[in-house]
Amino acid sequence: MTTEKKMTKAMMFEAVKEIVAASDVEEKAELVEFIDKQVEMLAAKAEKAKERAEKKRAESDELRATVHSILTGEFQTTDAIVAKIGVADITKAKVTARLTQLINVGVAEKKQIKDGSRKVMAYKLADISKPVSEAEGAPETNA
């Protein structure tokens, strides 16, 4: 079974550049210059995307650490955790996502509790003294 490697835009521009360089087109220098400029723009765009992804990843790690530091041995609702963070642009969805990440690595645990007349999920630090079995949702490791 062979897998074909997908041709990127940069690879296509390089192929077109080779074709143009081998041809007898009058505007050969202008075309090659245009192709080089397009390849540079693609590289700059990729670099910028990489920087944005790294920044977003760092912010995510920072928020996960903040959420982890707020968790205690007592169950707390997501709303309570968001209130303790106290930052305007931190949404309940962002906090819930970080709580899920913490649960998946076994740092936190969740339980449905009754809050007034409604049932909500509450989170606390996992009890590390008891082993987490696979039946209880231990994260799978691919070692």
Protein backbone atom coordinates (compact mmCIF):
# COMPACT_ATOMS: atom_id res chain seq x y z
CA MET A 1 0.00 0.00 0.00
CA THR A 2 1.59 3.24 -1.12
CA THR A 3 0.69 6.63 0.19
CA GLU A 4 0.98 9.61 -2.06
CA LYS A 5 2.29 12.78 -0.51
CA LYS A 6 -0.02 15.71 -1.10
CA MET A 7 1.57 18.50 -3.09
CA THR A 8 1.64 21.78 -1.17
CA LYS A 9 1.21 25.22 -2.70
CA ALA A 10 4.90 25.89 -2.24
CA MET A 11 5.74 22.65 -4.06
CA MET A 12 3.40 23.61 -6.90
CA PHE A 13 4.96 27.06 -7.18
CA GLU A 14 8.43 25.47 -7.33
CA ALA A 15 7.26 23.11 -10.10
CA VAL A 16 5.77 26.01 -12.05
CA LYS A 17 8.99 27.98 -11.51
CA GLU A 18 11.02 25.13 -13.05
CA ILE A 19 8.67 24.99 -16.04
CA VAL A 20 8.88 28.78 -16.51
CA ALA A 21 12.68 28.75 -16.16
CA ALA A 22 12.95 26.07 -18.85
CA SER A 23 10.59 27.89 -21.22
CA ASP A 24 11.26 30.68 -23.72
CA VAL A 25 8.65 33.10 -22.32
CA GLU A 26 9.53 36.78 -22.75
CA GLU A 27 8.48 37.69 -19.18
CA LYS A 28 10.50 34.83 -17.65
CA ALA A 29 12.28 37.02 -15.07
CA GLU A 30 9.02 38.68 -13.97
CA LEU A 31 7.25 35.33 -13.66
CA VAL A 32 10.08 33.80 -11.63
CA GLU A 33 10.12 36.88 -9.41
CA PHE A 34 6.33 36.60 -8.92
CA ILE A 35 6.62 32.91 -8.01
CA ASP A 36 9.43 33.62 -5.53
CA LYS A 37 7.29 36.35 -3.93
CA GLN A 38 4.33 33.93 -3.61
CA VAL A 39 6.54 31.29 -1.97
CA GLU A 40 7.86 33.92 0.47
CA MET A 41 4.30 34.97 1.31
CA LEU A 42 3.31 31.35 1.96
CA ALA A 43 6.29 30.89 4.27
CA ALA A 44 5.47 34.11 6.14
CA LYS A 45 1.84 33.04 6.51
CA ALA A 46 2.89 29.64 7.87
CA GLU A 47 5.29 31.25 10.35
CA LYS A 48 2.60 33.66 11.57
CA ALA A 49 0.14 30.76 12.02
CA LYS A 50 2.77 28.87 14.00
CA GLU A 51 3.29 31.89 16.29
CA ARG A 52 -0.47 32.28 16.85
CA ALA A 53 -0.81 28.57 17.66
CA GLU A 54 2.08 28.75 20.14
CA LYS A 55 0.56 31.81 21.82
CA LYS A 56 -2.84 30.12 22.06
CA ARG A 57 -1.24 26.95 23.47
CA ALA A 58 0.59 28.99 26.11
CA GLU A 59 -2.62 30.77 27.12
CA SER A 60 -4.39 27.41 27.33
CA ASP A 61 -1.66 25.99 29.58
CA GLU A 62 -1.83 29.09 31.78
CA LEU A 63 -5.62 28.83 32.15
CA ARG A 64 -5.38 25.09 32.89
CA ALA A 65 -2.85 25.85 35.65
CA THR A 66 -5.14 28.56 37.05
CA VAL A 67 -8.15 26.24 37.06
CA HIS A 68 -6.04 23.51 38.69
CA SER A 69 -4.91 25.90 41.43
CA ILE A 70 -8.53 26.83 42.21
CA LEU A 71 -9.68 23.23 42.63
CA THR A 72 -9.81 21.89 46.16
CA GLY A 73 -10.90 18.66 47.82
CA GLU A 74 -14.49 19.94 47.89
CA PHE A 75 -16.80 19.82 44.86
CA GLN A 76 -17.28 23.20 43.14
CA THR A 77 -19.52 24.10 40.21
CA THR A 78 -18.11 25.53 37.00
CA ASP A 79 -19.83 28.85 37.75
CA ALA A 80 -18.06 29.04 41.11
CA ILE A 81 -14.70 28.30 39.50
CA VAL A 82 -15.28 30.97 36.80
CA ALA A 83 -16.20 33.46 39.53
CA LYS A 84 -12.98 32.69 41.43
CA ILE A 85 -10.89 33.27 38.29
CA GLY A 86 -12.51 36.68 37.93
CA VAL A 87 -11.17 37.55 34.45
CA ALA A 88 -13.68 39.10 32.04
CA ASP A 89 -12.79 37.16 28.88
CA ILE A 90 -12.72 33.73 30.56
CA THR A 91 -15.93 31.95 29.63
CA LYS A 92 -17.63 29.01 31.27
CA ALA A 93 -16.92 26.94 28.13
CA LYS A 94 -13.18 27.64 28.36
CA VAL A 95 -13.13 26.62 32.02
CA THR A 96 -15.17 23.48 31.32
CA ALA A 97 -12.72 22.51 28.57
CA ARG A 98 -9.76 22.88 30.97
CA LEU A 99 -11.62 20.90 33.64
CA THR A 100 -12.20 18.12 31.11
CA GLN A 101 -8.48 18.13 30.30
CA LEU A 102 -7.68 17.81 34.01
CA ILE A 103 -10.16 14.95 34.37
CA ASN A 104 -8.66 13.14 31.36
CA VAL A 105 -5.19 13.17 32.95
CA GLY A 106 -6.58 12.06 36.31
CA VAL A 107 -5.93 15.30 38.22
CA ALA A 108 -9.60 16.15 38.80
CA GLU A 109 -12.88 14.33 39.12
CA LYS A 110 -16.47 15.34 38.51
CA LYS A 111 -19.84 14.49 39.98
CA GLN A 112 -23.37 15.60 39.30
CA ILE A 113 -24.77 17.53 42.26
CA LYS A 114 -28.00 19.34 42.98
CA ASP A 115 -27.70 23.13 43.02
CA GLY A 116 -31.04 24.45 44.14
CA SER A 117 -33.63 22.98 41.79
CA ARG A 118 -31.20 21.98 39.03
CA LYS A 119 -28.53 19.35 38.62
CA VAL A 120 -25.06 20.59 37.70
CA MET A 121 -21.61 19.11 37.36
CA ALA A 122 -19.17 19.83 40.15
CA TYR A 123 -15.41 19.32 40.13
CA LYS A 124 -12.71 18.69 42.70
CA LEU A 125 -9.13 17.49 42.88
CA ALA A 126 -8.88 13.75 42.39
CA ASP A 127 -8.04 11.64 45.40
CA ILE A 128 -4.60 10.40 44.37
CA SER A 129 -4.43 7.90 47.22
CA LYS A 130 -6.97 5.60 45.54
CA PRO A 131 -6.00 4.07 42.19
CA VAL A 132 -8.20 4.96 39.23
CA SER A 133 -9.34 1.88 37.39
CA GLU A 134 -10.07 1.78 33.68
CA ALA A 135 -13.75 1.21 34.49
CA GLU A 136 -13.82 4.56 36.25
CA GLY A 137 -12.51 6.37 33.18
CA ALA A 138 -8.78 6.32 33.56
CA PRO A 139 -7.03 7.93 30.62
CA GLU A 140 -5.63 5.45 28.13
CA THR A 141 -1.91 5.50 27.52
CA ASN A 142 -0.33 4.42 24.26
CA ALA A 143 3.12 3.51 25.44
